[in-house]
C-alpha cells in the first residue's frame, strides 16, 4: 500500500512540472511583444480551434443515438449561422434532440 502512494506522489509531481512548463515556456521564449500581424492573428484563433476540436466529436456521442445528435447539431449550426445568441442555440438544440428522441420512440 505504501508503495502505491509513493507512485501517486511521483505522478502528481510529474504533472505539476509539466503543467508549470506548459504555462511558463511561452513567457520565457516570447519575452518581447509579437509584432507580426500573421502570428498574432494565428495565436488569437488557437483557443477557439482547440475548444472546437475537443468538444465537437463528443457532441455526436452525447445522446446515445447518432440520429438525434445530428438533429441537435443541425439545429445548432443553423441558428448559430443566423446569428442567434448562445442561450437560444443551446436551448433549441436540446429541444431538437428531445423531439427527435420522442419521435424515434413513437416509430
Protein backbone atom coordinates (compact mmCIF):
# COMPACT_ATOMS: atom_id res chain seq x y z
CA UNK A 1 0.00 0.00 0.00
CA UNK A 2 2.81 2.40 0.87
CA UNK A 3 4.46 1.70 -2.49
CA UNK A 4 1.22 2.65 -4.27
CA UNK A 5 1.09 6.07 -2.58
CA UNK A 6 4.74 6.60 -3.41
CA UNK A 7 3.90 6.18 -7.12
CA UNK A 8 0.90 8.51 -6.84
CA UNK A 9 3.07 11.29 -5.43
CA UNK A 10 5.57 10.80 -8.25
CA UNK A 11 2.77 11.09 -10.82
CA UNK A 12 1.43 14.23 -9.17
CA UNK A 13 4.91 15.79 -9.11
CA UNK A 14 5.47 14.99 -12.79
CA UNK A 15 2.12 16.50 -13.76
CA UNK A 16 2.88 19.62 -11.71
CA UNK A 17 6.20 20.08 -13.53
CA UNK A 18 4.60 19.51 -16.94
CA UNK A 19 1.79 21.96 -16.19
CA UNK A 20 4.29 24.55 -14.98
CA UNK A 21 6.45 24.15 -18.10
CA UNK A 22 3.47 24.47 -20.44
CA UNK A 23 2.49 27.75 -18.80
CA UNK A 24 5.97 29.23 -18.33
CA UNK A 25 7.76 28.33 -21.58
CA UNK A 26 5.80 30.81 -23.73
CA UNK A 27 6.56 33.57 -21.23
CA UNK A 28 10.29 32.84 -21.35
CA UNK A 29 10.51 32.22 -25.10
CA UNK A 30 8.45 35.24 -26.18
CA UNK A 31 9.81 37.97 -23.93
CA UNK A 32 9.14 40.76 -26.39
CA UNK A 33 5.77 41.67 -27.84
CA UNK A 34 4.93 39.78 -31.03
CA UNK A 35 4.84 42.33 -33.85
CA UNK A 36 3.87 40.10 -36.79
CA UNK A 37 0.19 40.51 -37.65
CA UNK A 38 0.08 36.98 -39.07
CA UNK A 39 1.47 35.34 -35.94
CA UNK A 40 -0.74 37.43 -33.66
CA UNK A 41 -3.88 36.58 -35.63
CA UNK A 42 -2.84 32.91 -35.72
CA UNK A 43 -2.38 32.84 -31.94
CA UNK A 44 -5.71 34.61 -31.42
CA UNK A 45 -7.63 31.73 -33.05
CA UNK A 46 -5.88 28.84 -31.29
CA UNK A 47 -8.18 28.73 -28.21
CA UNK A 48 -11.30 28.52 -30.39
CA UNK A 49 -9.81 25.81 -32.59
CA UNK A 50 -8.72 23.71 -29.63
CA UNK A 51 -12.09 24.08 -27.91
CA UNK A 52 -13.89 23.07 -31.09
CA UNK A 53 -11.61 20.10 -31.68
CA UNK A 54 -12.16 18.88 -28.13
CA UNK A 55 -15.94 19.31 -27.91
CA UNK A 56 -17.30 18.76 -31.42
CA UNK A 57 -16.65 14.98 -31.64
CA UNK A 58 -18.24 14.43 -28.21
CA UNK A 59 -21.45 16.09 -29.32
CA UNK A 60 -22.23 13.14 -31.59
CA UNK A 61 -21.93 10.60 -28.78
CA UNK A 62 -23.68 12.57 -26.03
CA UNK A 63 -27.22 11.42 -26.75
CA UNK A 64 -26.59 7.71 -27.26
CA UNK A 65 -28.12 7.83 -30.75
CA UNK A 66 -26.28 9.36 -33.67
CA UNK A 67 -29.51 10.37 -35.43
CA UNK A 68 -30.73 12.55 -32.57
CA UNK A 69 -27.27 14.06 -32.15
CA UNK A 70 -27.22 15.01 -35.83
CA UNK A 71 -30.61 16.71 -35.43
CA UNK A 72 -29.31 18.74 -32.50
CA UNK A 73 -26.12 19.71 -34.30
CA UNK A 74 -28.05 20.70 -37.43
CA UNK A 75 -30.36 22.97 -35.44
CA UNK A 76 -27.44 24.46 -33.52
CA UNK A 77 -25.41 25.17 -36.67
CA UNK A 78 -28.42 26.69 -38.45
CA UNK A 79 -29.27 29.01 -35.56
CA UNK A 80 -25.65 29.97 -34.95
CA UNK A 81 -25.24 30.70 -38.65
CA UNK A 82 -28.22 33.05 -38.42
CA UNK A 83 -26.57 34.91 -35.53
CA UNK A 84 -28.74 33.79 -32.63
CA UNK A 85 -27.46 34.01 -29.05
CA UNK A 86 -25.64 31.15 -27.36
CA UNK A 87 -28.53 30.51 -24.99
CA UNK A 88 -31.03 30.34 -27.86
CA UNK A 89 -28.80 27.97 -29.81
CA UNK A 90 -28.25 25.67 -26.81
CA UNK A 91 -31.91 25.52 -25.79
CA UNK A 92 -33.09 24.96 -29.36
CA UNK A 93 -30.53 22.17 -29.89
CA UNK A 94 -31.64 20.47 -26.67
CA UNK A 95 -35.28 20.74 -27.70
CA UNK A 96 -34.48 19.34 -31.14
CA UNK A 97 -32.74 16.35 -29.57
CA UNK A 98 -35.66 15.78 -27.20
CA UNK A 99 -38.17 15.95 -30.06
CA UNK A 100 -36.08 13.61 -32.20
CA UNK A 101 -35.81 11.10 -29.35
CA UNK A 102 -39.55 11.34 -28.75
CA UNK A 103 -40.22 10.81 -32.45
CA UNK A 104 -37.91 7.78 -32.53
CA UNK A 105 -39.73 6.28 -29.55
CA UNK A 106 -43.02 6.58 -31.39
CA UNK A 107 -41.70 4.99 -34.56
